[in-house]
Amino acid sequence: MANHKSSIKRIRQTKTRQLRNRYYGRTMRNAIRKFRLLEDKQEATTQLPGMHKMIDKMVKRGMIHKNKAGNLKSSLTKKVNAMA
């Protein structure tokens, strides 16, 4: 157990951040999973900018690397463009 006030506070902050990061990560993964299951091109086209926005926010928060974000956005866009 931590003995200093600062280390106790650090533990508290770490738990809070960990919960927040877990929430954002799961939310993003679930949204991407649902997006990939879409069959309607019109609906996918309207949701694509929102997906890009969410992915960019994850990069800003440091949840994912910017190159992974680029790969995700590219693959989602390719999926929408390939829909008939």
PDB file of N, CA and C in Angstrom:
ATOM      1  N   MET A   1       0.839  -1.185   0.000  1.00  0.00           N
ATOM      2  CA  MET A   1       0.000   0.000   0.000  1.00  0.00           C
ATOM      3  C   MET A   1       0.879   1.241   0.000  1.00  0.00           C
ATOM      4  N   ALA A   2       0.412   2.275  -0.687  1.00  0.00           N
ATOM      5  CA  ALA A   2       1.171   3.519  -0.794  1.00  0.00           C
ATOM      6  C   ALA A   2       1.196   4.249   0.543  1.00  0.00           C
ATOM      7  N   ASN A   3       2.325   4.879   0.813  1.00  0.00           N
ATOM      8  CA  ASN A   3       2.494   5.577   2.084  1.00  0.00           C
ATOM      9  C   ASN A   3       2.380   7.090   1.962  1.00  0.00           C
ATOM     10  N   HIS A   4       2.661   7.626   0.796  1.00  0.00           N
ATOM     11  CA  HIS A   4       2.650   9.078   0.617  1.00  0.00           C
ATOM     12  C   HIS A   4       1.311   9.539   0.057  1.00  0.00           C
ATOM     13  N   LYS A   5       0.953  10.779   0.409  1.00  0.00           N
ATOM     14  CA  LYS A   5      -0.294  11.335  -0.095  1.00  0.00           C
ATOM     15  C   LYS A   5      -0.295  11.383  -1.617  1.00  0.00           C
ATOM     16  N   SER A   6       0.850  11.760  -2.174  1.00  0.00           N
ATOM     17  CA  SER A   6       0.930  11.891  -3.631  1.00  0.00           C
ATOM     18  C   SER A   6       0.753  10.539  -4.321  1.00  0.00           C
ATOM     19  N   SER A   7       1.311   9.483  -3.745  1.00  0.00           N
ATOM     20  CA  SER A   7       1.170   8.167  -4.375  1.00  0.00           C
ATOM     21  C   SER A   7      -0.256   7.637  -4.226  1.00  0.00           C
ATOM     22  N   ILE A   8      -0.918   7.967  -3.130  1.00  0.00           N
ATOM     23  CA  ILE A   8      -2.321   7.581  -2.953  1.00  0.00           C
ATOM     24  C   ILE A   8      -3.180   8.280  -4.004  1.00  0.00           C
ATOM     25  N   LYS A   9      -2.886   9.571  -4.223  1.00  0.00           N
ATOM     26  CA  LYS A   9      -3.621  10.327  -5.236  1.00  0.00           C
ATOM     27  C   LYS A   9      -3.354   9.757  -6.628  1.00  0.00           C
ATOM     28  N   ARG A  10      -2.116   9.393  -6.893  1.00  0.00           N
ATOM     29  CA  ARG A  10      -1.756   8.806  -8.189  1.00  0.00           C
ATOM     30  C   ARG A  10      -2.544   7.522  -8.445  1.00  0.00           C
ATOM     31  N   ILE A  11      -2.659   6.686  -7.436  1.00  0.00           N
ATOM     32  CA  ILE A  11      -3.420   5.440  -7.575  1.00  0.00           C
ATOM     33  C   ILE A  11      -4.879   5.749  -7.901  1.00  0.00           C
ATOM     34  N   ARG A  12      -5.428   6.745  -7.201  1.00  0.00           N
ATOM     35  CA  ARG A  12      -6.810   7.148  -7.431  1.00  0.00           C
ATOM     36  C   ARG A  12      -6.993   7.662  -8.867  1.00  0.00           C
ATOM     37  N   GLN A  13      -6.061   8.499  -9.316  1.00  0.00           N
ATOM     38  CA  GLN A  13      -6.140   9.047 -10.669  1.00  0.00           C
ATOM     39  C   GLN A  13      -6.001   7.948 -11.723  1.00  0.00           C
ATOM     40  N   THR A  14      -5.100   7.009 -11.463  1.00  0.00           N
ATOM     41  CA  THR A  14      -4.873   5.921 -12.409  1.00  0.00           C
ATOM     42  C   THR A  14      -6.133   5.088 -12.586  1.00  0.00           C
ATOM     43  N   LYS A  15      -6.818   4.787 -11.493  1.00  0.00           N
ATOM     44  CA  LYS A  15      -8.054   4.006 -11.576  1.00  0.00           C
ATOM     45  C   LYS A  15      -9.111   4.741 -12.393  1.00  0.00           C
ATOM     46  N   THR A  16      -9.228   6.048 -12.149  1.00  0.00           N
ATOM     47  CA  THR A  16     -10.211   6.847 -12.877  1.00  0.00           C
ATOM     48  C   THR A  16      -9.907   6.849 -14.364  1.00  0.00           C
ATOM     49  N   ARG A  17      -8.646   7.078 -14.701  1.00  0.00           N
ATOM     50  CA  ARG A  17      -8.252   7.116 -16.114  1.00  0.00           C
ATOM     51  C   ARG A  17      -8.415   5.752 -16.771  1.00  0.00           C
ATOM     52  N   GLN A  18      -8.104   4.711 -16.026  1.00  0.00           N
ATOM     53  CA  GLN A  18      -8.216   3.353 -16.558  1.00  0.00           C
ATOM     54  C   GLN A  18      -9.669   3.035 -16.922  1.00  0.00           C
ATOM     55  N   LEU A  19     -10.597   3.409 -16.040  1.00  0.00           N
ATOM     56  CA  LEU A  19     -12.013   3.182 -16.318  1.00  0.00           C
ATOM     57  C   LEU A  19     -12.471   3.976 -17.534  1.00  0.00           C
ATOM     58  N   ARG A  20     -12.025   5.232 -17.614  1.00  0.00           N
ATOM     59  CA  ARG A  20     -12.398   6.089 -18.736  1.00  0.00           C
ATOM     60  C   ARG A  20     -11.856   5.519 -20.047  1.00  0.00           C
ATOM     61  N   ASN A  21     -10.586   5.112 -20.038  1.00  0.00           N
ATOM     62  CA  ASN A  21      -9.973   4.561 -21.245  1.00  0.00           C
ATOM     63  C   ASN A  21     -10.657   3.269 -21.676  1.00  0.00           C
ATOM     64  N   ARG A  22     -11.010   2.441 -20.705  1.00  0.00           N
ATOM     65  CA  ARG A  22     -11.698   1.187 -21.017  1.00  0.00           C
ATOM     66  C   ARG A  22     -13.045   1.475 -21.673  1.00  0.00           C
ATOM     67  N   TYR A  23     -13.770   2.465 -21.146  1.00  0.00           N
ATOM     68  CA  TYR A  23     -15.065   2.833 -21.708  1.00  0.00           C
ATOM     69  C   TYR A  23     -14.914   3.308 -23.150  1.00  0.00           C
ATOM     70  N   TYR A  24     -13.978   4.235 -23.391  1.00  0.00           N
ATOM     71  CA  TYR A  24     -13.792   4.766 -24.738  1.00  0.00           C
ATOM     72  C   TYR A  24     -13.341   3.678 -25.705  1.00  0.00           C
ATOM     73  N   GLY A  25     -12.446   2.818 -25.262  1.00  0.00           N
ATOM     74  CA  GLY A  25     -11.958   1.749 -26.125  1.00  0.00           C
ATOM     75  C   GLY A  25     -13.058   0.788 -26.517  1.00  0.00           C
ATOM     76  N   ARG A  26     -13.861   0.374 -25.554  1.00  0.00           N
ATOM     77  CA  ARG A  26     -14.959  -0.551 -25.844  1.00  0.00           C
ATOM     78  C   ARG A  26     -16.003   0.106 -26.727  1.00  0.00           C
ATOM     79  N   THR A  27     -16.307   1.374 -26.448  1.00  0.00           N
ATOM     80  CA  THR A  27     -17.291   2.087 -27.254  1.00  0.00           C
ATOM     81  C   THR A  27     -16.840   2.152 -28.706  1.00  0.00           C
ATOM     82  N   MET A  28     -15.557   2.466 -28.914  1.00  0.00           N
ATOM     83  CA  MET A  28     -15.031   2.554 -30.270  1.00  0.00           C
ATOM     84  C   MET A  28     -15.079   1.190 -30.962  1.00  0.00           C
ATOM     85  N   ARG A  29     -14.625   0.143 -30.280  1.00  0.00           N
ATOM     86  CA  ARG A  29     -14.615  -1.191 -30.886  1.00  0.00           C
ATOM     87  C   ARG A  29     -16.030  -1.655 -31.247  1.00  0.00           C
ATOM     88  N   ASN A  30     -16.986  -1.406 -30.347  1.00  0.00           N
ATOM     89  CA  ASN A  30     -18.364  -1.807 -30.621  1.00  0.00           C
ATOM     90  C   ASN A  30     -18.945  -1.030 -31.795  1.00  0.00           C
ATOM     91  N   ALA A  31     -18.635   0.267 -31.872  1.00  0.00           N
ATOM     92  CA  ALA A  31     -19.146   1.086 -32.974  1.00  0.00           C
ATOM     93  C   ALA A  31     -18.576   0.608 -34.304  1.00  0.00           C
ATOM     94  N   ILE A  32     -17.290   0.279 -34.325  1.00  0.00           N
ATOM     95  CA  ILE A  32     -16.663  -0.211 -35.557  1.00  0.00           C
ATOM     96  C   ILE A  32     -17.264  -1.560 -35.945  1.00  0.00           C
ATOM     97  N   ARG A  33     -17.487  -2.415 -34.959  1.00  0.00           N
ATOM     98  CA  ARG A  33     -18.080  -3.730 -35.226  1.00  0.00           C
ATOM     99  C   ARG A  33     -19.474  -3.573 -35.844  1.00  0.00           C
ATOM    100  N   LYS A  34     -20.298  -2.681 -35.275  1.00  0.00           N
ATOM    101  CA  LYS A  34     -21.642  -2.466 -35.809  1.00  0.00           C
ATOM    102  C   LYS A  34     -21.585  -1.855 -37.209  1.00  0.00           C
ATOM    103  N   PHE A  35     -20.623  -0.943 -37.407  1.00  0.00           N
ATOM    104  CA  PHE A  35     -20.492  -0.293 -38.711  1.00  0.00           C
ATOM    105  C   PHE A  35     -20.137  -1.310 -39.788  1.00  0.00           C
ATOM    106  N   ARG A  36     -19.262  -2.241 -39.466  1.00  0.00           N
ATOM    107  CA  ARG A  36     -18.843  -3.250 -40.448  1.00  0.00           C
ATOM    108  C   ARG A  36     -19.975  -4.204 -40.812  1.00  0.00           C
ATOM    109  N   LEU A  37     -20.971  -4.327 -39.949  1.00  0.00           N
ATOM    110  CA  LEU A  37     -22.103  -5.212 -40.232  1.00  0.00           C
ATOM    111  C   LEU A  37     -23.187  -4.549 -41.083  1.00  0.00           C
ATOM    112  N   LEU A  38     -23.065  -3.237 -41.318  1.00  0.00           N
ATOM    113  CA  LEU A  38     -24.075  -2.524 -42.097  1.00  0.00           C
ATOM    114  C   LEU A  38     -24.106  -3.042 -43.529  1.00  0.00           C
ATOM    115  N   GLU A  39     -25.309  -3.132 -44.088  1.00  0.00           N
ATOM    116  CA  GLU A  39     -25.485  -3.582 -45.468  1.00  0.00           C
ATOM    117  C   GLU A  39     -25.948  -2.449 -46.375  1.00  0.00           C
ATOM    118  N   ASP A  40     -26.602  -1.440 -45.806  1.00  0.00           N
ATOM    119  CA  ASP A  40     -27.172  -0.346 -46.585  1.00  0.00           C
ATOM    120  C   ASP A  40     -26.114   0.729 -46.833  1.00  0.00           C
ATOM    121  N   LYS A  41     -25.846   1.020 -48.102  1.00  0.00           N
ATOM    122  CA  LYS A  41     -24.804   2.000 -48.439  1.00  0.00           C
ATOM    123  C   LYS A  41     -25.195   3.402 -47.978  1.00  0.00           C
ATOM    124  N   GLN A  42     -26.473   3.750 -48.111  1.00  0.00           N
ATOM    125  CA  GLN A  42     -26.925   5.086 -47.706  1.00  0.00           C
ATOM    126  C   GLN A  42     -26.671   5.315 -46.211  1.00  0.00           C
ATOM    127  N   GLU A  43     -27.027   4.338 -45.409  1.00  0.00           N
ATOM    128  CA  GLU A  43     -26.829   4.454 -43.961  1.00  0.00           C
ATOM    129  C   GLU A  43     -25.342   4.499 -43.613  1.00  0.00           C
ATOM    130  N   ALA A  44     -24.557   3.659 -44.273  1.00  0.00           N
ATOM    131  CA  ALA A  44     -23.113   3.629 -44.016  1.00  0.00           C
ATOM    132  C   ALA A  44     -22.467   4.950 -44.408  1.00  0.00           C
ATOM    133  N   THR A  45     -22.928   5.545 -45.505  1.00  0.00           N
ATOM    134  CA  THR A  45     -22.374   6.820 -45.960  1.00  0.00           C
ATOM    135  C   THR A  45     -22.665   7.928 -44.959  1.00  0.00           C
ATOM    136  N   THR A  46     -23.844   7.903 -44.357  1.00  0.00           N
ATOM    137  CA  THR A  46     -24.170   8.941 -43.379  1.00  0.00           C
ATOM    138  C   THR A  46     -23.423   8.741 -42.067  1.00  0.00           C
ATOM    139  N   GLN A  47     -23.101   7.493 -41.727  1.00  0.00           N
ATOM    140  CA  GLN A  47     -22.407   7.222 -40.463  1.00  0.00           C
ATOM    141  C   GLN A  47     -20.893   7.344 -40.563  1.00  0.00           C
ATOM    142  N   LEU A  48     -20.348   7.325 -41.778  1.00  0.00           N
ATOM    143  CA  LEU A  48     -18.896   7.332 -41.958  1.00  0.00           C
ATOM    144  C   LEU A  48     -18.210   8.558 -41.349  1.00  0.00           C
ATOM    145  N   PRO A  49     -18.715   9.789 -41.557  1.00  0.00           N
ATOM    146  CA  PRO A  49     -18.037  10.939 -40.927  1.00  0.00           C
ATOM    147  C   PRO A  49     -18.011  10.851 -39.400  1.00  0.00           C
ATOM    148  N   GLY A  50     -19.059  10.317 -38.814  1.00  0.00           N
ATOM    149  CA  GLY A  50     -19.085  10.131 -37.363  1.00  0.00           C
ATOM    150  C   GLY A  50     -18.043   9.134 -36.896  1.00  0.00           C
ATOM    151  N   MET A  51     -17.841   8.093 -37.687  1.00  0.00           N
ATOM    152  CA  MET A  51     -16.811   7.102 -37.352  1.00  0.00           C
ATOM    153  C   MET A  51     -15.422   7.729 -37.429  1.00  0.00           C
ATOM    154  N   HIS A  52     -15.203   8.524 -38.474  1.00  0.00           N
ATOM    155  CA  HIS A  52     -13.909   9.202 -38.605  1.00  0.00           C
ATOM    156  C   HIS A  52     -13.671  10.141 -37.425  1.00  0.00           C
ATOM    157  N   LYS A  53     -14.705  10.829 -37.028  1.00  0.00           N
ATOM    158  CA  LYS A  53     -14.594  11.755 -35.900  1.00  0.00           C
ATOM    159  C   LYS A  53     -14.236  11.005 -34.617  1.00  0.00           C
ATOM    160  N   MET A  54     -14.899   9.876 -34.387  1.00  0.00           N
ATOM    161  CA  MET A  54     -14.633   9.087 -33.185  1.00  0.00           C
ATOM    162  C   MET A  54     -13.198   8.561 -33.183  1.00  0.00           C
ATOM    163  N   ILE A  55     -12.744   8.078 -34.327  1.00  0.00           N
ATOM    164  CA  ILE A  55     -11.383   7.548 -34.422  1.00  0.00           C
ATOM    165  C   ILE A  55     -10.364   8.652 -34.171  1.00  0.00           C
ATOM    166  N   ASP A  56     -10.611   9.843 -34.731  1.00  0.00           N
ATOM    167  CA  ASP A  56      -9.693  10.968 -34.515  1.00  0.00           C
ATOM    168  C   ASP A  56      -9.644  11.377 -33.045  1.00  0.00           C
ATOM    169  N   LYS A  57     -10.773  11.297 -32.371  1.00  0.00           N
ATOM    170  CA  LYS A  57     -10.790  11.619 -30.941  1.00  0.00           C
ATOM    171  C   LYS A  57      -9.982  10.610 -30.135  1.00  0.00           C
ATOM    172  N   MET A  58     -10.023   9.348 -30.547  1.00  0.00           N
ATOM    173  CA  MET A  58      -9.224   8.328 -29.858  1.00  0.00           C
ATOM    174  C   MET A  58      -7.732   8.604 -30.023  1.00  0.00           C
ATOM    175  N   VAL A  59      -7.343   9.113 -31.190  1.00  0.00           N
ATOM    176  CA  VAL A  59      -5.937   9.477 -31.410  1.00  0.00           C
ATOM    177  C   VAL A  59      -5.567  10.640 -30.507  1.00  0.00           C
ATOM    178  N   LYS A  60      -6.446  11.625 -30.430  1.00  0.00           N
ATOM    179  CA  LYS A  60      -6.176  12.807 -29.607  1.00  0.00           C
ATOM    180  C   LYS A  60      -6.032  12.441 -28.135  1.00  0.00           C
ATOM    181  N   ARG A  61      -6.818  11.470 -27.689  1.00  0.00           N
ATOM    182  CA  ARG A  61      -6.740  11.028 -26.295  1.00  0.00           C
ATOM    183  C   ARG A  61      -5.576  10.087 -26.044  1.00  0.00           C
ATOM    184  N   GLY A  62      -4.924   9.632 -27.117  1.00  0.00           N
ATOM    185  CA  GLY A  62      -3.795   8.726 -26.965  1.00  0.00           C
ATOM    186  C   GLY A  62      -4.206   7.275 -26.824  1.00  0.00           C
ATOM    187  N   MET A  63      -5.430   6.957 -27.204  1.00  0.00           N
ATOM    188  CA  MET A  63      -5.920   5.589 -27.081  1.00  0.00           C
ATOM    189  C   MET A  63      -5.365   4.692 -28.180  1.00  0.00           C
ATOM    190  N   ILE A  64      -5.245   5.245 -29.389  1.00  0.00           N
ATOM    191  CA  ILE A  64      -4.696   4.478 -30.503  1.00  0.00           C
ATOM    192  C   ILE A  64      -3.660   5.329 -31.221  1.00  0.00           C
ATOM    193  N   HIS A  65      -2.777   4.679 -31.956  1.00  0.00           N
ATOM    194  CA  HIS A  65      -1.725   5.370 -32.697  1.00  0.00           C
ATOM    195  C   HIS A  65      -2.320   6.004 -33.953  1.00  0.00           C
ATOM    196  N   LYS A  66      -1.724   7.089 -34.416  1.00  0.00           N
ATOM    197  CA  LYS A  66      -2.276   7.792 -35.574  1.00  0.00           C
ATOM    198  C   LYS A  66      -2.236   6.936 -36.841  1.00  0.00           C
ATOM    199  N   ASN A  67      -1.238   6.053 -36.957  1.00  0.00           N
ATOM    200  CA  ASN A  67      -1.180   5.182 -38.131  1.00  0.00           C
ATOM    201  C   ASN A  67      -2.299   4.142 -38.102  1.00  0.00           C
ATOM    202  N   LYS A  68      -2.598   3.621 -36.926  1.00  0.00           N
ATOM    203  CA  LYS A  68      -3.713   2.673 -36.802  1.00  0.00           C
ATOM    204  C   LYS A  68      -5.019   3.377 -37.148  1.00  0.00           C
ATOM    205  N   ALA A  69      -5.146   4.635 -36.720  1.00  0.00           N
ATOM    206  CA  ALA A  69      -6.351   5.395 -37.031  1.00  0.00           C
ATOM    207  C   ALA A  69      -6.491   5.564 -38.540  1.00  0.00           C
ATOM    208  N   GLY A  70      -5.388   5.868 -39.197  1.00  0.00           N
ATOM    209  CA  GLY A  70      -5.423   6.010 -40.648  1.00  0.00           C
ATOM    210  C   GLY A  70      -5.824   4.721 -41.331  1.00  0.00           C
ATOM    211  N   ASN A  71      -5.288   3.609 -40.845  1.00  0.00           N
ATOM    212  CA  ASN A  71      -5.641   2.305 -41.417  1.00  0.00           C
ATOM    213  C   ASN A  71      -7.123   1.988 -41.204  1.00  0.00           C
ATOM    214  N   LEU A  72      -7.629   2.293 -40.007  1.00  0.00           N
ATOM    215  CA  LEU A  72      -9.046   2.045 -39.721  1.00  0.00           C
ATOM    216  C   LEU A  72      -9.942   2.886 -40.626  1.00  0.00           C
ATOM    217  N   LYS A  73      -9.634   4.180 -40.717  1.00  0.00           N
ATOM    218  CA  LYS A  73     -10.457   5.072 -41.532  1.00  0.00           C
ATOM    219  C   LYS A  73     -10.420   4.645 -42.996  1.00  0.00           C
ATOM    220  N   SER A  74      -9.254   4.242 -43.456  1.00  0.00           N
ATOM    221  CA  SER A  74      -9.113   3.802 -44.841  1.00  0.00           C
ATOM    222  C   SER A  74      -9.931   2.544 -45.108  1.00  0.00           C
ATOM    223  N   SER A  75      -9.839   1.576 -44.214  1.00  0.00           N
ATOM    224  CA  SER A  75     -10.563   0.318 -44.431  1.00  0.00           C
ATOM    225  C   SER A  75     -12.077   0.529 -44.367  1.00  0.00           C
ATOM    226  N   LEU A  76     -12.540   1.401 -43.464  1.00  0.00           N
ATOM    227  CA  LEU A  76     -13.978   1.668 -43.382  1.00  0.00           C
ATOM    228  C   LEU A  76     -14.469   2.385 -44.638  1.00  0.00           C
ATOM    229  N   THR A  77     -13.660   3.327 -45.136  1.00  0.00           N
ATOM    230  CA  THR A  77     -14.035   4.046 -46.350  1.00  0.00           C
ATOM    231  C   THR A  77     -14.066   3.104 -47.547  1.00  0.00           C
ATOM    232  N   LYS A  78     -13.091   2.201 -47.634  1.00  0.00           N
ATOM    233  CA  LYS A  78     -13.074   1.220 -48.723  1.00  0.00           C
ATOM    234  C   LYS A  78     -14.316   0.339 -48.672  1.00  0.00           C
ATOM    235  N   LYS A  79     -14.725  -0.032 -47.471  1.00  0.00           N
ATOM    236  CA  LYS A  79     -15.911  -0.878 -47.324  1.00  0.00           C
ATOM    237  C   LYS A  79     -17.147  -0.156 -47.847  1.00  0.00           C
ATOM    238  N   VAL A  80     -17.270   1.134 -47.505  1.00  0.00           N
ATOM    239  CA  VAL A  80     -18.430   1.899 -47.963  1.00  0.00           C
ATOM    240  C   VAL A  80     -18.399   2.048 -49.482  1.00  0.00           C
ATOM    241  N   ASN A  81     -17.224   2.338 -50.035  1.00  0.00           N
ATOM    242  CA  ASN A  81     -17.123   2.520 -51.486  1.00  0.00           C
ATOM    243  C   ASN A  81     -17.376   1.226 -52.251  1.00  0.00           C
ATOM    244  N   ALA A  82     -17.083   0.088 -51.637  1.00  0.00           N
ATOM    245  CA  ALA A  82     -17.275  -1.197 -52.309  1.00  0.00           C
ATOM    246  C   ALA A  82     -18.724  -1.680 -52.260  1.00  0.00           C
ATOM    247  N   MET A  83     -19.549  -1.045 -51.428  1.00  0.00           N
ATOM    248  CA  MET A  83     -20.947  -1.464 -51.336  1.00  0.00           C
ATOM    249  C   MET A  83     -21.673  -1.165 -52.644  1.00  0.00           C
ATOM    250  N   ALA A  84     -22.605  -2.048 -52.994  1.00  0.00           N
ATOM    251  CA  ALA A  84     -23.346  -1.866 -54.248  1.00  0.00           C
ATOM    252  C   ALA A  84     -24.660  -1.156 -54.015  1.00  0.00           C
TER     253      ALA A  84
END
